[in-house]
Amino acid sequence: MELLIIADTHLPKRARDLPDEVWRLAASVDVVVHAGDWVEAALLDRLEAAAKRVIGVYGNNDGPDLRARLPEVAVAELAGLRLAVVHETGPAKGRELRCARDYPDADVLVFGHSHIPWDSTAPNGLRLLNPGSPTDRRRQPRHTYLTARVDHGALAEVELHALPPR
């Protein structure tokens, strides 16, 4: 099972649209995971039309229309992998232990908010992933997103992709 993992798209405030590369992947993968801060529901509508499946949450910049359609925390089982998605996880210091405590039933936790790519593993084995942002790099050198594969209930081939400068 192939995944595209994005967050913090902030459309249309930070960019007019997702990069073409991200749209191509959205149409070809099995699941698109979005960890919040969509900003406008039009992107959710377009992703749902383009992708086979979308798992998303609302973020702190998402208004009532998105909050009515998306949960604060999403959980799903993907080919035996227990996935949780949330926008914010708090400060980087202590993140692994805090998330292991808060998401004890997850194998992988995808989060956003910081726009900073993150890939770590908590002592209990929980994998924490933040894709950065494909549209609002903030202090990062490039816009980013993640791809991953789920194989026999495990996360495999997680790759951070840096987009070319716009």
N, C-alpha and C. Protein backbone atom coordinates (compact mmCIF):
# COMPACT_ATOMS: atom_id res chain seq x y z
N MET A 1 0.84 -1.17 0.00
CA MET A 1 0.00 0.00 0.00
C MET A 1 0.89 1.24 0.00
N GLU A 2 0.68 2.13 -0.94
CA GLU A 2 1.49 3.34 -1.10
C GLU A 2 0.79 4.55 -0.47
N LEU A 3 1.58 5.36 0.26
CA LEU A 3 1.05 6.55 0.95
C LEU A 3 1.75 7.81 0.47
N LEU A 4 0.97 8.88 0.37
CA LEU A 4 1.48 10.24 0.23
C LEU A 4 1.12 10.95 1.52
N ILE A 5 2.11 11.57 2.17
CA ILE A 5 1.89 12.22 3.45
C ILE A 5 2.24 13.69 3.32
N ILE A 6 1.24 14.55 3.58
CA ILE A 6 1.43 16.00 3.48
C ILE A 6 0.79 16.68 4.69
N ALA A 7 1.14 17.93 4.87
CA ALA A 7 0.55 18.74 5.95
C ALA A 7 0.80 20.21 5.63
N ASP A 8 0.11 21.07 6.36
CA ASP A 8 0.39 22.50 6.32
C ASP A 8 0.42 23.07 4.91
N THR A 9 -0.61 22.77 4.15
CA THR A 9 -0.68 23.24 2.77
C THR A 9 -1.12 24.71 2.69
N HIS A 10 -1.93 25.17 3.62
CA HIS A 10 -2.31 26.58 3.73
C HIS A 10 -2.77 27.18 2.40
N LEU A 11 -3.61 26.43 1.67
CA LEU A 11 -4.12 26.95 0.38
C LEU A 11 -5.39 27.74 0.58
N PRO A 12 -5.55 28.86 -0.07
CA PRO A 12 -4.66 29.50 -1.04
C PRO A 12 -3.81 30.61 -0.42
N LYS A 13 -3.62 30.61 0.86
CA LYS A 13 -2.88 31.69 1.52
C LYS A 13 -1.39 31.65 1.23
N ARG A 14 -0.75 30.48 1.28
CA ARG A 14 0.70 30.38 1.10
C ARG A 14 1.10 29.97 -0.32
N ALA A 15 0.17 29.42 -1.06
CA ALA A 15 0.40 29.04 -2.46
C ALA A 15 -0.96 28.98 -3.14
N ARG A 16 -0.94 29.08 -4.44
CA ARG A 16 -2.20 29.00 -5.19
C ARG A 16 -2.72 27.57 -5.28
N ASP A 17 -1.76 26.61 -5.32
CA ASP A 17 -2.15 25.21 -5.51
C ASP A 17 -1.01 24.32 -5.02
N LEU A 18 -1.31 23.04 -4.89
CA LEU A 18 -0.27 22.06 -4.61
C LEU A 18 0.62 21.93 -5.83
N PRO A 19 1.89 21.61 -5.64
CA PRO A 19 2.76 21.36 -6.79
C PRO A 19 2.24 20.19 -7.64
N ASP A 20 2.50 20.26 -8.94
CA ASP A 20 2.05 19.20 -9.86
C ASP A 20 2.53 17.82 -9.43
N GLU A 21 3.76 17.74 -8.93
CA GLU A 21 4.31 16.46 -8.47
C GLU A 21 3.44 15.85 -7.37
N VAL A 22 2.95 16.68 -6.48
CA VAL A 22 2.11 16.20 -5.38
C VAL A 22 0.75 15.75 -5.92
N TRP A 23 0.19 16.50 -6.85
CA TRP A 23 -1.09 16.08 -7.45
C TRP A 23 -0.95 14.76 -8.18
N ARG A 24 0.14 14.56 -8.91
CA ARG A 24 0.34 13.29 -9.63
C ARG A 24 0.39 12.12 -8.64
N LEU A 25 1.11 12.31 -7.56
CA LEU A 25 1.18 11.25 -6.54
C LEU A 25 -0.17 11.02 -5.88
N ALA A 26 -0.89 12.10 -5.59
CA ALA A 26 -2.20 11.95 -4.95
C ALA A 26 -3.12 11.06 -5.77
N ALA A 27 -3.02 11.17 -7.08
CA ALA A 27 -3.87 10.37 -7.96
C ALA A 27 -3.40 8.92 -8.10
N SER A 28 -2.14 8.65 -7.75
CA SER A 28 -1.61 7.31 -8.00
C SER A 28 -1.44 6.45 -6.75
N VAL A 29 -1.34 7.05 -5.57
CA VAL A 29 -1.13 6.27 -4.35
C VAL A 29 -2.45 5.68 -3.85
N ASP A 30 -2.35 4.80 -2.87
CA ASP A 30 -3.54 4.19 -2.28
C ASP A 30 -4.21 5.11 -1.26
N VAL A 31 -3.41 5.88 -0.52
CA VAL A 31 -3.94 6.75 0.53
C VAL A 31 -3.15 8.05 0.58
N VAL A 32 -3.87 9.16 0.67
CA VAL A 32 -3.27 10.46 0.94
C VAL A 32 -3.57 10.78 2.41
N VAL A 33 -2.51 11.08 3.16
CA VAL A 33 -2.65 11.46 4.57
C VAL A 33 -2.31 12.95 4.66
N HIS A 34 -3.22 13.74 5.25
CA HIS A 34 -3.01 15.19 5.41
C HIS A 34 -3.16 15.54 6.88
N ALA A 35 -2.08 16.10 7.47
CA ALA A 35 -2.06 16.38 8.90
C ALA A 35 -2.46 17.81 9.25
N GLY A 36 -3.42 18.37 8.53
CA GLY A 36 -4.03 19.62 8.93
C GLY A 36 -3.40 20.89 8.41
N ASP A 37 -4.13 21.98 8.66
CA ASP A 37 -3.87 23.31 8.11
C ASP A 37 -4.03 23.30 6.59
N TRP A 38 -5.23 22.92 6.19
CA TRP A 38 -5.66 22.98 4.80
C TRP A 38 -5.95 24.43 4.45
N VAL A 39 -6.64 25.14 5.34
CA VAL A 39 -7.12 26.52 5.30
C VAL A 39 -8.46 26.64 4.60
N GLU A 40 -8.63 26.10 3.39
CA GLU A 40 -9.92 26.14 2.72
C GLU A 40 -10.37 24.73 2.34
N ALA A 41 -11.67 24.48 2.45
CA ALA A 41 -12.23 23.16 2.18
C ALA A 41 -12.13 22.76 0.71
N ALA A 42 -11.89 23.70 -0.17
CA ALA A 42 -11.77 23.37 -1.60
C ALA A 42 -10.65 22.36 -1.84
N LEU A 43 -9.56 22.45 -1.09
CA LEU A 43 -8.47 21.48 -1.27
C LEU A 43 -8.92 20.09 -0.84
N LEU A 44 -9.63 19.98 0.26
CA LEU A 44 -10.16 18.69 0.69
C LEU A 44 -11.06 18.11 -0.39
N ASP A 45 -11.94 18.92 -0.96
CA ASP A 45 -12.83 18.46 -2.03
C ASP A 45 -12.02 17.94 -3.22
N ARG A 46 -11.01 18.68 -3.63
CA ARG A 46 -10.20 18.29 -4.79
C ARG A 46 -9.39 17.03 -4.52
N LEU A 47 -8.83 16.92 -3.31
CA LEU A 47 -8.08 15.70 -2.97
C LEU A 47 -8.99 14.49 -2.92
N GLU A 48 -10.17 14.66 -2.33
CA GLU A 48 -11.12 13.53 -2.28
C GLU A 48 -11.53 13.10 -3.68
N ALA A 49 -11.62 14.04 -4.62
CA ALA A 49 -11.98 13.69 -6.00
C ALA A 49 -10.82 13.01 -6.73
N ALA A 50 -9.59 13.39 -6.41
CA ALA A 50 -8.42 12.88 -7.12
C ALA A 50 -7.87 11.58 -6.54
N ALA A 51 -7.98 11.41 -5.24
CA ALA A 51 -7.33 10.29 -4.56
C ALA A 51 -8.29 9.12 -4.34
N LYS A 52 -7.73 7.93 -4.17
CA LYS A 52 -8.54 6.76 -3.83
C LYS A 52 -9.09 6.88 -2.42
N ARG A 53 -8.26 7.41 -1.51
CA ARG A 53 -8.68 7.56 -0.11
C ARG A 53 -7.89 8.71 0.51
N VAL A 54 -8.57 9.53 1.31
CA VAL A 54 -7.94 10.63 2.03
C VAL A 54 -8.21 10.44 3.52
N ILE A 55 -7.15 10.50 4.30
CA ILE A 55 -7.27 10.50 5.76
C ILE A 55 -6.71 11.84 6.21
N GLY A 56 -7.54 12.65 6.85
CA GLY A 56 -7.09 13.97 7.24
C GLY A 56 -7.65 14.42 8.56
N VAL A 57 -7.03 15.45 9.10
CA VAL A 57 -7.46 16.09 10.34
C VAL A 57 -7.47 17.60 10.12
N TYR A 58 -8.15 18.30 11.01
CA TYR A 58 -8.09 19.76 10.93
C TYR A 58 -6.92 20.27 11.76
N GLY A 59 -6.45 21.46 11.38
CA GLY A 59 -5.36 22.11 12.09
C GLY A 59 -5.82 23.41 12.70
N ASN A 60 -4.91 24.10 13.36
CA ASN A 60 -5.25 25.33 14.05
C ASN A 60 -5.66 26.46 13.11
N ASN A 61 -5.31 26.38 11.83
CA ASN A 61 -5.70 27.42 10.87
C ASN A 61 -6.94 27.04 10.06
N ASP A 62 -7.60 25.96 10.44
CA ASP A 62 -8.78 25.50 9.71
C ASP A 62 -10.05 25.93 10.41
N GLY A 63 -10.97 26.50 9.63
CA GLY A 63 -12.20 27.06 10.18
C GLY A 63 -13.30 26.03 10.37
N PRO A 64 -14.50 26.54 10.68
CA PRO A 64 -15.63 25.66 11.00
C PRO A 64 -16.02 24.69 9.89
N ASP A 65 -15.85 25.09 8.63
CA ASP A 65 -16.23 24.20 7.52
C ASP A 65 -15.36 22.94 7.52
N LEU A 66 -14.06 23.09 7.72
CA LEU A 66 -13.18 21.92 7.77
C LEU A 66 -13.35 21.16 9.08
N ARG A 67 -13.55 21.86 10.17
CA ARG A 67 -13.74 21.20 11.47
C ARG A 67 -15.03 20.38 11.50
N ALA A 68 -16.00 20.75 10.69
CA ALA A 68 -17.24 19.99 10.62
C ALA A 68 -17.05 18.68 9.83
N ARG A 69 -16.05 18.66 8.97
CA ARG A 69 -15.83 17.49 8.10
C ARG A 69 -14.69 16.58 8.54
N LEU A 70 -13.77 17.12 9.35
CA LEU A 70 -12.56 16.37 9.71
C LEU A 70 -12.43 16.27 11.23
N PRO A 71 -11.85 15.19 11.72
CA PRO A 71 -11.64 15.06 13.16
C PRO A 71 -10.36 15.79 13.60
N GLU A 72 -10.22 15.96 14.90
CA GLU A 72 -8.97 16.47 15.46
C GLU A 72 -7.88 15.40 15.40
N VAL A 73 -8.29 14.16 15.64
CA VAL A 73 -7.39 13.00 15.55
C VAL A 73 -8.08 11.96 14.67
N ALA A 74 -7.36 11.46 13.68
CA ALA A 74 -7.88 10.39 12.82
C ALA A 74 -7.10 9.12 13.13
N VAL A 75 -7.81 8.01 13.15
CA VAL A 75 -7.17 6.71 13.31
C VAL A 75 -7.66 5.80 12.20
N ALA A 76 -6.76 4.96 11.71
CA ALA A 76 -7.11 4.04 10.63
C ALA A 76 -6.18 2.85 10.68
N GLU A 77 -6.67 1.73 10.20
CA GLU A 77 -5.82 0.57 10.01
C GLU A 77 -5.57 0.43 8.52
N LEU A 78 -4.30 0.41 8.15
CA LEU A 78 -3.90 0.32 6.75
C LEU A 78 -3.08 -0.94 6.57
N ALA A 79 -3.70 -1.96 6.01
CA ALA A 79 -3.02 -3.24 5.76
C ALA A 79 -2.32 -3.75 7.02
N GLY A 80 -2.99 -3.61 8.15
CA GLY A 80 -2.46 -4.10 9.42
C GLY A 80 -1.67 -3.07 10.22
N LEU A 81 -1.36 -1.93 9.63
CA LEU A 81 -0.63 -0.85 10.31
C LEU A 81 -1.64 0.07 11.00
N ARG A 82 -1.41 0.34 12.27
CA ARG A 82 -2.29 1.23 13.04
C ARG A 82 -1.75 2.65 12.94
N LEU A 83 -2.49 3.49 12.21
CA LEU A 83 -2.09 4.87 11.93
C LEU A 83 -2.93 5.84 12.75
N ALA A 84 -2.26 6.85 13.30
CA ALA A 84 -2.95 7.98 13.92
C ALA A 84 -2.43 9.24 13.26
N VAL A 85 -3.31 10.24 13.12
CA VAL A 85 -2.95 11.51 12.50
C VAL A 85 -3.49 12.61 13.39
N VAL A 86 -2.66 13.62 13.65
CA VAL A 86 -3.04 14.77 14.45
C VAL A 86 -2.26 15.97 13.91
N HIS A 87 -2.75 17.17 14.15
CA HIS A 87 -2.01 18.33 13.66
C HIS A 87 -0.86 18.70 14.58
N GLU A 88 -1.14 18.88 15.86
CA GLU A 88 -0.13 19.38 16.80
C GLU A 88 0.26 18.31 17.82
N THR A 89 1.55 18.27 18.14
CA THR A 89 2.03 17.35 19.17
C THR A 89 2.78 18.08 20.28
N GLY A 90 2.83 19.40 20.23
CA GLY A 90 3.54 20.15 21.25
C GLY A 90 5.02 20.30 20.92
N PRO A 91 5.80 20.75 21.90
CA PRO A 91 7.23 21.02 21.67
C PRO A 91 8.01 19.78 21.26
N ALA A 92 9.11 20.00 20.54
CA ALA A 92 9.97 18.89 20.11
C ALA A 92 10.56 18.17 21.31
N LYS A 93 10.94 18.91 22.34
CA LYS A 93 11.54 18.28 23.52
C LYS A 93 10.49 17.39 24.20
N GLY A 94 10.80 16.14 24.34
CA GLY A 94 9.89 15.20 24.98
C GLY A 94 8.81 14.63 24.08
N ARG A 95 8.86 14.95 22.79
CA ARG A 95 7.79 14.54 21.86
C ARG A 95 7.60 13.03 21.82
N GLU A 96 8.67 12.26 21.71
CA GLU A 96 8.53 10.81 21.58
C GLU A 96 7.81 10.20 22.79
N LEU A 97 8.25 10.56 23.99
CA LEU A 97 7.62 10.00 25.19
C LEU A 97 6.18 10.46 25.34
N ARG A 98 5.92 11.73 25.06
CA ARG A 98 4.56 12.27 25.17
C ARG A 98 3.62 11.59 24.17
N CYS A 99 4.08 11.42 22.93
CA CYS A 99 3.22 10.80 21.91
C CYS A 99 3.03 9.31 22.17
N ALA A 100 4.06 8.64 22.68
CA ALA A 100 3.92 7.23 23.04
C ALA A 100 2.85 7.07 24.11
N ARG A 101 2.82 8.00 25.05
CA ARG A 101 1.80 7.98 26.11
C ARG A 101 0.42 8.29 25.54
N ASP A 102 0.33 9.30 24.66
CA ASP A 102 -0.96 9.77 24.16
C ASP A 102 -1.56 8.90 23.06
N TYR A 103 -0.72 8.14 22.34
CA TYR A 103 -1.19 7.31 21.22
C TYR A 103 -0.67 5.88 21.40
N PRO A 104 -1.06 5.22 22.50
CA PRO A 104 -0.50 3.89 22.80
C PRO A 104 -0.93 2.80 21.82
N ASP A 105 -2.01 3.02 21.09
CA ASP A 105 -2.52 1.99 20.19
C ASP A 105 -2.07 2.20 18.74
N ALA A 106 -1.20 3.17 18.49
CA ALA A 106 -0.75 3.46 17.13
C ALA A 106 0.64 2.89 16.88
N ASP A 107 0.88 2.49 15.64
CA ASP A 107 2.22 2.10 15.19
C ASP A 107 2.95 3.31 14.61
N VAL A 108 2.17 4.20 13.97
CA VAL A 108 2.71 5.39 13.32
C VAL A 108 1.82 6.58 13.67
N LEU A 109 2.46 7.70 14.00
CA LEU A 109 1.75 8.96 14.23
C LEU A 109 2.26 9.98 13.23
N VAL A 110 1.35 10.48 12.39
CA VAL A 110 1.67 11.55 11.45
C VAL A 110 1.17 12.85 12.06
N PHE A 111 2.02 13.88 12.05
CA PHE A 111 1.63 15.17 12.59
C PHE A 111 2.17 16.29 11.71
N GLY A 112 1.70 17.50 11.95
CA GLY A 112 2.14 18.66 11.19
C GLY A 112 2.48 19.81 12.11
N HIS A 113 2.01 20.98 11.76
CA HIS A 113 2.07 22.22 12.51
C HIS A 113 3.40 22.96 12.41
N SER A 114 4.52 22.30 12.57
CA SER A 114 5.81 22.99 12.62
C SER A 114 6.38 23.33 11.24
N HIS A 115 5.91 22.64 10.20
CA HIS A 115 6.46 22.75 8.84
C HIS A 115 7.90 22.23 8.78
N ILE A 116 8.32 21.51 9.80
CA ILE A 116 9.67 20.96 9.87
C ILE A 116 9.60 19.44 9.75
N PRO A 117 10.24 18.87 8.72
CA PRO A 117 10.22 17.40 8.60
C PRO A 117 10.77 16.74 9.86
N TRP A 118 10.15 15.61 10.21
CA TRP A 118 10.53 14.88 11.42
C TRP A 118 10.33 13.40 11.17
N ASP A 119 11.28 12.61 11.61
CA ASP A 119 11.16 11.15 11.52
C ASP A 119 11.93 10.58 12.71
N SER A 120 11.20 10.07 13.67
CA SER A 120 11.83 9.49 14.85
C SER A 120 10.99 8.32 15.35
N THR A 121 11.56 7.59 16.29
CA THR A 121 10.86 6.45 16.87
C THR A 121 10.92 6.55 18.38
N ALA A 122 9.76 6.43 19.01
CA ALA A 122 9.68 6.46 20.48
C ALA A 122 10.20 5.14 21.04
N PRO A 123 10.54 5.14 22.33
CA PRO A 123 11.05 3.90 22.95
C PRO A 123 10.10 2.71 22.81
N ASN A 124 8.79 2.96 22.72
CA ASN A 124 7.84 1.85 22.58
C ASN A 124 7.66 1.41 21.13
N GLY A 125 8.41 2.01 20.20
CA GLY A 125 8.32 1.63 18.79
C GLY A 125 7.43 2.52 17.95
N LEU A 126 6.72 3.47 18.55
CA LEU A 126 5.87 4.38 17.79
C LEU A 126 6.74 5.22 16.86
N ARG A 127 6.43 5.20 15.57
CA ARG A 127 7.14 6.01 14.57
C ARG A 127 6.42 7.33 14.44
N LEU A 128 7.14 8.44 14.55
CA LEU A 128 6.58 9.78 14.42
C LEU A 128 7.08 10.41 13.12
N LEU A 129 6.14 10.90 12.31
CA LEU A 129 6.48 11.47 11.01
C LEU A 129 5.81 12.83 10.82
N ASN A 130 6.58 13.81 10.41
CA ASN A 130 6.05 15.10 9.97
C ASN A 130 6.62 15.34 8.58
N PRO A 131 5.75 15.57 7.58
CA PRO A 131 6.23 15.73 6.21
C PRO A 131 6.76 17.12 5.89
N GLY A 132 6.73 18.06 6.83
CA GLY A 132 7.04 19.43 6.47
C GLY A 132 5.85 20.00 5.70
N SER A 133 6.11 20.84 4.71
CA SER A 133 5.03 21.41 3.91
C SER A 133 5.43 21.51 2.45
N PRO A 134 4.52 21.12 1.54
CA PRO A 134 4.82 21.24 0.11
C PRO A 134 4.61 22.66 -0.43
N THR A 135 4.08 23.55 0.42
CA THR A 135 3.73 24.88 -0.06
C THR A 135 4.23 26.03 0.81
N ASP A 136 4.62 25.76 2.05
CA ASP A 136 5.04 26.82 2.97
C ASP A 136 6.23 26.33 3.78
N ARG A 137 7.44 26.54 3.25
CA ARG A 137 8.65 25.95 3.83
C ARG A 137 9.11 26.66 5.10
N ARG A 138 8.61 27.83 5.35
CA ARG A 138 9.05 28.64 6.49
C ARG A 138 10.57 28.71 6.54
N ARG A 139 11.17 28.23 7.60
CA ARG A 139 12.63 28.34 7.75
C ARG A 139 13.38 27.15 7.14
N GLN A 140 12.70 26.28 6.46
CA GLN A 140 13.34 25.12 5.85
C GLN A 140 13.93 25.49 4.49
N PRO A 141 14.96 24.79 4.05
CA PRO A 141 15.56 25.14 2.76
C PRO A 141 14.66 24.82 1.56
N ARG A 142 13.77 23.82 1.70
CA ARG A 142 12.92 23.41 0.57
C ARG A 142 11.52 23.05 1.06
N HIS A 143 10.57 23.08 0.15
CA HIS A 143 9.23 22.54 0.40
C HIS A 143 9.35 21.02 0.39
N THR A 144 8.61 20.33 1.25
CA THR A 144 8.78 18.88 1.37
C THR A 144 7.46 18.14 1.54
N TYR A 145 7.52 16.84 1.30
CA TYR A 145 6.45 15.89 1.59
C TYR A 145 7.08 14.53 1.78
N LEU A 146 6.29 13.58 2.26
CA LEU A 146 6.77 12.21 2.48
C LEU A 146 6.00 11.23 1.61
N THR A 147 6.66 10.15 1.24
CA THR A 147 5.98 8.98 0.71
C THR A 147 6.40 7.80 1.57
N ALA A 148 5.56 6.79 1.60
CA ALA A 148 5.86 5.59 2.38
C ALA A 148 5.08 4.42 1.80
N ARG A 149 5.49 3.25 2.22
CA ARG A 149 4.80 2.03 1.80
C ARG A 149 4.46 1.24 3.05
N VAL A 150 3.27 0.67 3.08
CA VAL A 150 2.88 -0.24 4.15
C VAL A 150 3.00 -1.65 3.58
N ASP A 151 3.78 -2.48 4.29
CA ASP A 151 4.04 -3.84 3.82
C ASP A 151 3.89 -4.80 4.99
N HIS A 152 2.90 -5.69 4.91
CA HIS A 152 2.65 -6.68 5.95
C HIS A 152 2.53 -6.05 7.34
N GLY A 153 1.76 -4.98 7.44
CA GLY A 153 1.50 -4.34 8.72
C GLY A 153 2.62 -3.46 9.25
N ALA A 154 3.64 -3.22 8.43
CA ALA A 154 4.76 -2.38 8.87
C ALA A 154 4.99 -1.25 7.87
N LEU A 155 5.51 -0.16 8.37
CA LEU A 155 5.84 0.98 7.53
C LEU A 155 7.21 0.73 6.91
N ALA A 156 7.29 0.87 5.60
CA ALA A 156 8.54 0.62 4.88
C ALA A 156 8.80 1.76 3.91
N GLU A 157 10.05 1.93 3.56
CA GLU A 157 10.44 2.87 2.51
C GLU A 157 9.89 4.27 2.73
N VAL A 158 10.05 4.82 3.91
CA VAL A 158 9.68 6.21 4.15
C VAL A 158 10.71 7.10 3.50
N GLU A 159 10.25 8.03 2.66
CA GLU A 159 11.17 8.91 1.95
C GLU A 159 10.70 10.35 2.02
N LEU A 160 11.61 11.22 2.42
CA LEU A 160 11.36 12.66 2.41
C LEU A 160 11.74 13.19 1.04
N HIS A 161 10.81 13.92 0.42
CA HIS A 161 11.03 14.49 -0.90
C HIS A 161 11.13 16.00 -0.79
N ALA A 162 12.17 16.57 -1.34
CA ALA A 162 12.31 18.02 -1.41
C ALA A 162 11.89 18.47 -2.81
N LEU A 163 11.01 19.43 -2.86
CA LEU A 163 10.52 19.92 -4.14
C LEU A 163 11.49 20.93 -4.72
N PRO A 164 11.53 21.05 -6.05
CA PRO A 164 12.41 22.05 -6.65
C PRO A 164 11.93 23.46 -6.29
N PRO A 165 12.85 24.41 -6.27
CA PRO A 165 12.45 25.78 -5.96
C PRO A 165 11.40 26.26 -6.95
N ARG A 166 10.50 27.10 -6.43
CA ARG A 166 9.45 27.63 -7.31
C ARG A 166 9.89 28.93 -7.92
